[in-house]
Structure formats: C-alpha cells, structure tokens
Protein backbone atom coordinates (compact mmCIF):
# COMPACT_ATOMS: atom_id res chain seq x y z
CA MET A 1 26.60 -14.08 7.83
CA ALA A 2 27.57 -10.65 6.83
CA THR A 3 30.65 -9.16 8.83
CA ASP A 4 30.56 -5.61 7.11
CA GLY A 5 26.41 -4.90 8.79
CA SER A 6 25.15 -5.23 5.91
CA ASP A 7 22.86 -8.08 7.26
CA SER A 8 20.74 -5.58 8.59
CA GLY A 9 19.43 -2.15 7.67
CA LEU A 10 17.14 1.11 8.48
CA GLN A 11 14.35 1.30 5.46
CA LEU A 12 11.56 4.66 5.57
CA ARG A 13 7.99 2.81 5.60
CA SER A 14 5.20 4.79 5.05
CA LEU A 15 1.84 3.56 7.16
CA VAL A 16 -1.84 4.59 6.90
CA LYS A 17 -3.15 3.39 10.01
CA LYS A 18 -7.20 2.66 9.87
CA ASP A 19 -8.39 5.75 12.21
CA GLY A 20 -6.97 7.88 9.58
CA VAL A 21 -3.04 8.74 10.60
CA LEU A 22 -0.15 8.24 8.16
CA GLU A 23 2.78 7.40 9.83
CA ILE A 24 6.40 7.58 8.00
CA SER A 25 8.97 5.81 10.44
CA LEU A 26 12.60 4.22 10.02
CA LEU A 27 12.80 0.35 10.81
CA ARG A 28 15.94 -1.87 10.99
CA VAL A 29 15.36 -4.64 8.96
CA PRO A 30 16.70 -7.34 8.18
CA THR A 31 19.19 -7.61 5.02
CA PRO A 32 17.79 -11.66 3.21
CA GLU A 33 20.78 -13.57 2.15
CA PRO A 34 21.52 -13.08 -1.93
CA ALA A 35 20.41 -16.31 -3.63
CA ALA A 36 22.85 -17.73 -6.38
CA ASP A 37 20.89 -14.90 -9.22
CA GLU A 38 20.75 -11.94 -6.31
CA VAL A 39 23.36 -9.46 -5.05
CA VAL A 40 22.98 -6.94 -1.82
CA VAL A 41 23.68 -3.20 -2.67
CA ARG A 42 24.35 -0.59 -0.36
CA VAL A 43 22.26 2.12 -1.19
CA ASP A 44 24.59 5.31 -1.59
CA ALA A 45 21.67 7.65 -3.59
CA ALA A 46 18.16 7.04 -4.59
CA PRO A 47 15.98 10.34 -5.83
CA ILE A 48 12.29 11.42 -4.66
CA ASN A 49 10.40 11.02 -7.91
CA PRO A 50 6.41 12.19 -7.98
CA SER A 51 5.60 8.08 -7.95
CA ASP A 52 7.19 8.14 -4.63
CA LEU A 53 5.43 11.06 -3.43
CA GLY A 54 1.90 9.35 -3.72
CA LEU A 55 3.38 6.38 -1.92
CA LEU A 56 5.30 7.99 1.13
CA PHE A 57 2.23 10.32 1.79
CA GLY A 58 -0.76 8.69 0.66
CA ALA A 59 -3.76 11.11 0.49
CA ALA A 60 -2.82 12.60 3.97
CA ASP A 61 -2.86 16.20 4.46
CA MET A 62 0.15 17.03 5.15
CA SER A 63 -0.29 20.73 6.48
CA THR A 64 -1.67 18.29 9.48
CA ALA A 65 2.19 17.02 9.79
CA LYS A 66 4.37 16.62 12.98
CA VAL A 67 7.41 15.53 13.40
CA THR A 68 8.64 13.43 16.84
CA GLY A 69 12.31 11.46 17.64
CA ALA A 70 15.33 12.27 16.08
CA GLY A 71 17.55 10.02 14.12
CA ALA A 72 16.67 6.49 13.85
CA ASP A 73 13.40 6.93 15.69
CA THR A 74 11.98 10.07 13.91
CA VAL A 75 8.42 9.44 13.15
CA VAL A 76 6.07 11.56 10.86
CA THR A 77 2.03 11.46 11.48
CA ALA A 78 -0.11 13.43 9.29
CA THR A 79 -3.97 13.13 9.19
CA VAL A 80 -6.07 11.74 5.97
CA PRO A 81 -9.18 13.07 5.40
CA GLU A 82 -12.30 10.76 6.22
CA LYS A 83 -13.38 11.17 2.11
CA ALA A 84 -9.77 10.33 1.17
CA MET A 85 -9.45 7.26 3.39
CA ARG A 86 -11.64 5.03 0.86
CA ALA A 87 -8.81 5.51 -1.69
CA MET A 88 -6.41 3.70 0.55
CA SER A 89 -8.54 0.63 1.89
CA ALA A 90 -6.19 -1.56 -0.07
CA ARG A 91 -3.07 -0.14 2.06
CA ILE A 92 -4.82 0.12 5.53
CA ASP A 93 -2.46 -0.89 8.13
CA VAL A 94 0.29 -2.20 5.79
CA SER A 95 3.64 -0.66 6.32
CA MET A 96 5.05 -0.24 3.10
CA PRO A 97 8.50 0.55 1.51
CA VAL A 98 9.15 3.63 -0.43
CA GLY A 99 11.66 4.03 -3.19
CA ASN A 100 11.57 3.18 -6.69
CA GLU A 101 15.31 3.66 -7.61
CA GLY A 102 18.60 4.20 -6.98
CA ALA A 103 22.33 3.62 -6.65
CA GLY A 104 25.00 1.92 -4.69
CA VAL A 105 28.10 -0.47 -4.47
CA VAL A 106 27.55 -4.19 -4.96
CA VAL A 107 28.24 -5.32 -1.04
CA ARG A 108 27.81 -8.97 -0.81
CA ALA A 109 26.71 -11.50 -4.34
CA GLY A 110 25.25 -14.97 -4.81
CA ALA A 111 27.47 -17.78 -5.97
CA SER A 112 26.35 -17.66 -9.95
CA ASP A 113 28.58 -16.05 -12.07
CA ALA A 114 26.62 -13.27 -13.07
CA ALA A 115 26.01 -12.18 -9.40
CA SER A 116 29.51 -12.80 -8.72
CA ALA A 117 30.56 -10.34 -11.57
CA LEU A 118 28.78 -7.52 -9.77
CA MET A 119 31.05 -7.67 -6.25
CA GLY A 120 32.19 -4.28 -5.73
CA LYS A 121 30.97 -2.53 -8.79
CA THR A 122 28.39 0.70 -9.16
CA VAL A 123 25.13 -0.26 -9.82
CA ALA A 124 22.18 1.44 -10.33
CA VAL A 125 19.12 -0.47 -9.17
CA LEU A 126 14.86 -0.07 -10.32
CA GLY A 127 13.58 -2.58 -7.48
CA GLY A 128 11.53 -0.67 -5.40
CA ALA A 129 12.09 -0.13 -1.62
CA MET A 130 15.34 1.87 -2.33
CA PHE A 131 14.85 4.28 0.49
CA SER A 132 16.65 1.51 2.32
CA GLN A 133 20.30 1.31 3.42
CA TYR A 134 20.21 -2.46 1.71
CA ARG A 135 18.67 -4.31 -0.85
CA THR A 136 19.08 -7.51 -2.15
CA VAL A 137 17.74 -7.65 -6.25
CA LYS A 138 17.90 -10.08 -8.35
CA VAL A 139 20.76 -9.45 -11.09
CA GLN A 140 18.77 -8.41 -13.70
CA GLN A 141 17.52 -5.11 -11.82
CA CYS A 142 20.70 -3.90 -12.06
CA LEU A 143 22.40 -1.94 -14.21
CA VAL A 144 26.37 -1.29 -13.90
CA LEU A 145 27.66 1.85 -14.26
CA LEU A 146 31.01 3.10 -16.53
CA GLU A 147 33.63 3.56 -14.68
CA GLY A 148 34.03 6.80 -12.88
CA THR A 149 30.37 7.07 -12.27
CA THR A 150 29.34 7.34 -9.16
CA ALA A 151 26.25 6.81 -7.16
CA LYS A 152 24.66 10.12 -7.32
CA ASP A 153 25.25 9.58 -11.31
CA GLY A 154 23.16 6.84 -11.52
CA ALA A 155 20.74 7.19 -8.55
CA SER A 156 18.03 8.49 -11.77
CA CYS A 157 19.00 5.98 -13.94
CA PHE A 158 15.43 4.10 -14.73
CA VAL A 159 12.35 6.66 -14.55
CA ASN A 160 13.11 9.43 -15.83
CA PRO A 161 15.59 8.77 -18.43
CA LEU A 162 13.18 5.63 -20.09
CA THR A 163 10.43 8.51 -19.54
CA ALA A 164 12.15 10.65 -22.04
CA LEU A 165 13.07 7.78 -24.50
CA GLY A 166 9.66 6.01 -23.68
CA MET A 167 8.10 9.82 -24.64
CA VAL A 168 10.46 9.85 -27.92
CA GLU A 169 9.21 6.06 -28.89
CA THR A 170 5.99 6.22 -28.45
CA MET A 171 6.36 9.37 -31.15
CA LYS A 172 7.82 7.23 -33.64
CA LEU A 173 5.60 3.79 -32.62
CA GLU A 174 2.15 5.80 -33.17
CA GLY A 175 3.36 7.50 -36.29
CA HIS A 176 3.71 11.35 -35.10
CA LYS A 177 6.31 13.61 -35.99
CA ALA A 178 7.04 15.60 -33.04
CA LEU A 179 6.12 16.07 -29.58
CA VAL A 180 4.48 18.48 -26.95
CA HIS A 181 5.67 18.44 -23.25
CA THR A 182 4.04 20.64 -20.15
CA ALA A 183 6.40 21.29 -17.04
CA ALA A 184 8.99 21.59 -19.89
CA ALA A 185 11.51 22.92 -17.02
CA SER A 186 11.68 20.17 -15.21
CA ASN A 187 14.37 17.20 -14.11
CA LEU A 188 12.82 15.32 -16.89
CA GLY A 189 11.63 18.37 -19.39
CA LEU A 190 15.45 19.62 -19.37
CA MET A 191 16.50 15.90 -20.11
CA LEU A 192 14.08 15.86 -23.17
CA ASN A 193 15.11 18.32 -24.25
CA ARG A 194 18.80 17.69 -24.39
CA LEU A 195 17.35 14.23 -25.81
CA CYS A 196 15.11 15.88 -28.59
CA ILE A 197 17.88 18.28 -29.71
CA ALA A 198 20.11 15.43 -29.87
CA ASP A 199 17.58 13.11 -32.14
CA LYS A 200 16.87 16.07 -33.87
CA VAL A 201 13.19 15.63 -32.88
CA PRO A 202 10.96 18.66 -32.75
CA LEU A 203 9.84 19.36 -29.37
CA VAL A 204 6.73 22.10 -27.76
CA ASN A 205 8.13 23.19 -24.62
CA ILE A 206 5.83 24.76 -22.46
CA VAL A 207 5.97 26.50 -19.21
CA ARG A 208 3.97 28.59 -16.07
CA LYS A 209 6.78 30.85 -15.59
CA GLU A 210 9.38 33.37 -17.94
CA GLU A 211 12.52 31.89 -15.52
CA GLN A 212 11.93 28.36 -17.13
CA ALA A 213 11.38 29.80 -20.21
CA ALA A 214 14.91 31.56 -19.94
CA ALA A 215 16.35 27.92 -18.48
CA LEU A 216 14.53 26.14 -21.68
CA ARG A 217 16.66 28.73 -23.93
CA THR A 218 19.66 27.99 -22.11
CA LEU A 219 19.74 24.69 -23.02
CA GLY A 220 18.85 25.65 -27.10
CA ALA A 221 15.07 24.51 -27.11
CA ALA A 222 13.49 26.20 -30.05
CA HIS A 223 10.07 26.35 -29.15
CA ILE A 224 8.70 27.51 -26.11
CA CYS A 225 5.26 28.52 -24.83
CA ASN A 226 4.30 30.40 -21.45
CA SER A 227 0.91 28.93 -20.24
CA SER A 228 0.44 32.36 -18.21
CA SER A 229 1.01 34.50 -21.33
CA PRO A 230 -2.01 36.04 -22.61
CA SER A 231 -1.00 35.40 -26.15
CA PHE A 232 -0.66 31.87 -25.08
CA MET A 233 -2.82 30.15 -27.51
CA GLU A 234 -1.60 32.26 -30.33
CA GLU A 235 1.67 31.41 -29.32
CA LEU A 236 1.04 27.29 -28.77
CA THR A 237 -1.06 27.63 -32.40
CA GLU A 238 2.09 28.73 -34.74
CA ALA A 239 4.71 26.65 -32.51
CA LEU A 240 2.38 23.57 -33.83
CA ALA A 241 2.03 24.56 -36.93
CA ILE A 242 5.58 24.78 -37.55
CA THR A 243 6.48 21.26 -36.28
CA GLY A 244 3.55 19.36 -36.83
CA ALA A 245 3.23 18.10 -33.38
CA THR A 246 -0.08 16.30 -32.47
CA LEU A 247 1.43 14.45 -29.41
CA ALA A 248 1.36 15.37 -26.37
CA PHE A 249 2.86 14.50 -21.95
CA ASP A 250 1.46 16.46 -19.83
CA ALA A 251 2.34 15.99 -16.49
CA ILE A 252 0.02 18.72 -14.80
CA GLY A 253 -3.09 16.25 -15.48
CA GLY A 254 -6.09 18.78 -14.04
CA GLY A 255 -7.39 22.15 -15.50
CA LYS A 256 -7.74 23.59 -19.11
CA ILE A 257 -4.15 22.59 -20.15
CA ALA A 258 -5.12 19.22 -22.36
CA GLY A 259 -7.83 20.86 -24.03
CA GLN A 260 -6.35 23.72 -24.74
CA ILE A 261 -3.58 21.57 -26.36
CA LEU A 262 -5.52 19.48 -28.69
CA THR A 263 -7.23 22.94 -29.44
CA CYS A 264 -4.34 24.50 -30.78
CA MET A 265 -3.35 21.18 -32.36
CA GLU A 266 -6.77 21.37 -34.49
CA ALA A 267 -6.39 24.49 -35.43
CA ALA A 268 -3.07 24.41 -36.07
CA ILE A 269 -4.31 21.38 -39.06
CA ASN A 270 -6.67 23.45 -40.00
CA LYS A 271 -4.46 26.26 -40.93
CA THR A 272 -3.57 24.45 -44.41
CA ALA A 273 -7.00 22.25 -44.69
CA LYS A 274 -8.06 22.29 -48.21
CA GLY A 275 -12.16 22.72 -46.68
CA TYR A 276 -14.38 22.16 -44.21
CA SER A 277 -15.92 19.36 -42.16
CA ARG A 278 -18.26 19.77 -39.65
CA TYR A 279 -16.34 16.66 -37.87
CA GLY A 280 -13.00 18.19 -37.77
CA SER A 281 -9.87 17.21 -39.42
CA SER A 282 -9.16 13.74 -39.89
CA THR A 283 -5.67 13.73 -38.33
CA HIS A 284 -5.68 12.00 -34.92
CA LYS A 285 -4.51 14.43 -31.87
CA GLN A 286 -3.01 12.39 -28.70
CA VAL A 287 -2.47 13.61 -25.24
CA TYR A 288 -1.09 11.27 -22.69
CA ILE A 289 -1.25 12.22 -18.71
CA TYR A 290 1.75 10.90 -16.86
CA GLY A 291 1.67 13.37 -14.19
CA ALA A 292 -0.93 14.65 -11.56
CA LEU A 293 0.85 18.24 -10.81
CA ASP A 294 -2.73 19.28 -10.76
CA MET A 295 -5.10 17.04 -9.03
CA GLY A 296 -7.96 18.31 -10.11
CA PRO A 297 -10.42 17.41 -12.84
CA THR A 298 -9.62 17.21 -16.45
CA GLU A 299 -11.38 19.93 -18.49
CA LEU A 300 -12.23 19.33 -22.26
CA SER A 301 -13.64 21.80 -23.59
CA ARG A 302 -14.67 20.24 -27.19
CA SER A 303 -13.31 22.50 -30.12
CA PHE A 304 -10.88 19.96 -31.65
CA GLY A 305 -13.45 17.85 -33.81
CA LEU A 306 -13.67 13.81 -33.37
CA ALA A 307 -10.24 12.71 -34.21
CA TRP A 308 -8.40 12.58 -30.73
CA GLY A 309 -7.84 11.47 -27.44
CA VAL A 310 -6.66 11.77 -23.94
CA GLY A 311 -5.40 9.15 -22.25
CA GLY A 312 -2.66 7.77 -19.17
CA TRP A 313 0.88 6.70 -19.98
CA LEU A 314 3.60 5.33 -17.95
CA VAL A 315 6.86 4.56 -18.72
CA SER A 316 6.27 0.53 -16.90
CA PRO A 317 3.46 -0.31 -19.10
CA PHE A 318 5.41 1.33 -22.05
CA THR A 319 8.84 -0.62 -21.28
CA GLN A 320 6.37 -4.00 -20.66
CA LYS A 321 5.15 -3.44 -24.55
CA ILE A 322 8.16 -2.92 -26.17
CA GLY A 323 9.93 -6.21 -24.63
CA PRO A 324 13.07 -6.86 -22.04
CA ALA A 325 15.38 -6.81 -25.35
CA ALA A 326 14.05 -3.34 -26.62
CA THR A 327 14.45 -2.10 -22.98
CA MET A 328 17.91 -3.15 -22.49
CA LYS A 329 19.14 -0.88 -25.40
CA LEU A 330 17.26 1.80 -24.37
CA GLN A 331 19.15 1.35 -21.01
CA GLU A 332 22.62 0.95 -22.65
CA ARG A 333 22.06 4.06 -24.16
CA ILE A 334 21.53 5.82 -20.82
CA ALA A 335 24.77 4.46 -19.04
CA ARG A 336 26.65 5.39 -21.89
CA GLU A 337 25.20 9.01 -22.03
CA LEU A 338 24.26 9.83 -17.93
CA LYS A 339 26.44 12.86 -17.88
CA THR A 340 25.25 14.30 -20.69
CA ILE A 341 21.80 13.92 -21.99
CA PHE A 342 20.40 12.18 -19.02
CA ALA A 343 22.01 14.04 -16.16
CA SER A 344 19.73 15.12 -13.05
CA ALA A 345 20.23 17.92 -10.94
CA TYR A 346 19.20 17.99 -6.88
CA SER A 347 18.25 20.96 -5.22
CA GLY A 348 18.66 18.94 -1.81
CA GLU A 349 19.81 15.97 -0.52
CA GLY A 350 20.03 14.18 2.86
CA SER A 351 19.48 10.84 5.32
CA LEU A 352 16.52 9.10 5.54
CA ALA A 353 16.48 10.63 9.05
CA GLU A 354 17.03 14.07 7.05
CA THR A 355 14.70 13.34 4.49
CA LEU A 356 11.97 13.22 7.00
CA SER A 357 12.50 16.72 8.47
CA MET A 358 10.03 19.30 8.00
CA GLU A 359 12.34 21.10 5.98
CA ALA A 360 13.01 18.98 3.71
CA MET A 361 9.62 17.68 3.53
CA ASN A 362 8.14 21.15 3.04
CA SER A 363 10.61 21.42 -0.44
CA TYR A 364 10.30 18.00 -2.17
CA GLY A 365 6.82 17.84 -0.84
CA ARG A 366 5.69 20.78 -2.83
CA ARG A 367 6.31 19.22 -6.00
CA ALA A 368 8.05 22.50 -7.68
CA THR A 369 9.28 22.21 -10.87
CA GLY A 370 13.03 22.02 -11.26
CA GLU A 371 13.47 20.85 -7.51
CA LYS A 372 14.67 17.39 -7.30
CA TYR A 373 15.49 16.01 -3.56
CA LEU A 374 17.87 13.14 -2.97
CA VAL A 375 17.90 10.23 -0.19
CA VAL A 376 21.51 9.43 0.97
CA PRO A 377 20.39 5.98 2.63
CA SER A 378 24.10 4.97 3.50
CA LYS A 379 24.59 8.16 5.46
CA ASP A 380 22.86 7.05 8.38
CA ALA A 381 25.09 4.08 8.63
C-alpha cells in the first residue's frame, strides 16, 4: 500500500450518454499497483492536443456547455446534436479517460531492475489517460528526460516532435525532396521549421494571417505563403518551383487548400516541362491530411493531372511502420534537443478542475494557431 497518497487520484473523464448529453467530470480512481515491469508516475504536466479534443468533447455542440460544481466536483455538460449521435455509437455510456501524453516523476516502481532504475526520475509518457494525477504505465512507455529537464519541458515530448520527425522521414522514404505544411505557425509548425532548418530540408509554410508569417520569418523560414493573399496561388507556385516540393502535410482538412496545393504543384512542375501531356505531369504529387481544423468536405478541383494522391496520415501508424528500433532513435533525438528544436510553448495552464472552467474551454476549444494549453494534474493534489 502506498504511503504517499498515490494509491488513488483524480482523473478527467468524458462520457456521451444515450440521451445525447456529453458529461465531462473528475473521478477519483484507484492507482493500480505496478507490476514488475511497471512504474507509477505522478503526472505534473500534460498538453491538450487536437486529438485530445476529439475525445474530450466528442461531437458535442460546445456552445451549449454548462459548468456546475467546483474543484473535484466540477462537471461540464453539453448537448450532442441528434445527427451526430451515430458517430458516437461506439462510446455511448462509456466513461473514457482523456490525455495522450504527459510527463512527471516516478513515485513507485515495480520489482524489475528496469522499473527500479526509474524511481525518482522525471519521465515523459505516451500512455493515454494522462489527464490523471497518477498513471501506472509500462517501463517501455517512459522516456527518461535529461538532467535539468522539467516535466513541463517534456510534457509534449511525443505527439508533436514525432509528428515533425515523421513528416521529414516520410519525405525521405517516399522519395520527395521538400515539404509543404499548412497551419504553419502552430506549435507543431514552428517545431517543424526549426527541424527543417537544422536538417537543411526545404519547407514551404502556408499561413492565414500576416502576424503568423512574421513569427515564421523571425525563425528564419525561407518560404511563407499567406492563403488570404489575393496572389496566394502565384506565390505558392513560385515557392514550389524553387523548392521542388511535391509532398504536403495539411492540418486543415476541409475546404480547398489540399486541391490548391496540388494545383500549384502541377503548375510548378510544368514551368520546366519539355512538352505537353493531356494527362498532366508524370511526377507524383501527394497531400497527406493529418488534422481537421476545418470539419467541412475536402474540395478538389481536378486541375493537376492524374499523378497525385490525397490520404490520411497519423503518427502512430507511421511509428508502427518504421518499427521500435527506428522509433527509439527518433525519441533519443527528441530527448537531446527537447529545449531547442522540439521545445513547446503554452498560452495557458491549469489544474484538472481549472481545465474545465468556461474560460479555459473557450480558449483551447478554439484550436487557434499557436495556442496550446497545459494541464497540471498534480496541482489538484
């Protein structure tokens, strides 16, 4: 039996009820005793990623959200539109813990040498249910942070860094030589810029506002295109012609941006074409959609020949594809460069209960570029 209070803790849960009501609450749950190859981590920092919002809010209309109670008794309710309930069928009346990743201190350890060696260490964890005060996880789910690295430094150690590295590695594996990225002023976008500058990978950044472009210029980004500019298509075509980029990662998903990128890729390639083909260029052009900032349909105006593709991309299938050994090498690089290339910034932070305030939800629920929220579960203790 633990004597430090880690035998149980608060955990944030999301529940979609069969009557069409979303309920988000804090439950006190027992902390499982660690097996030989497990440790108990006191979670000191956990970011809210876009993928977390999908689980946290489900398909609820958050304009209907109401908050009752306070502290550990805080409860958020919101209405799920009837037409969206079918998409929620697999999770109806199932209370689900939230939080993909986080970091904290190992406070209890199993009997194995590998587990015992982590006692007292600050580790980053990719384990799900990280919006919890305590998490029992396997040793292999932990990444030991270097001396002097805090839990806040390491909270976003997996999703964004592995995504940025995965984009560059995908480029190499598929034979492309440059990248295009939308929503490029996001935390991930800034990280990808630092990575591409360090690794000398040409990168074309697409933003929606001039202030976002200014932030990227401060980093030293060479190619920035503002999608709200009247000359966006011409500017994008020119940047693609210079870099030779034929691979794009799109965080937006809906709307015309994927089709616009493919159109400009084709136009850039045709600048140096030796002749006309009614089938378009033979160079394959690929857009991977990895986000859903726009939940509307993806619109494609077929003006880019026949050598093209649009598909989905997620970091988890990517790491499964390259295997554990290659993934570990990427994680080791992340740990070494966590305060430089892979550093994350947060626009707000709060305890589990504070995360459920209307002010906080309105902030991180906007999914605004450059605004990332940090949950501090141990603050509730």
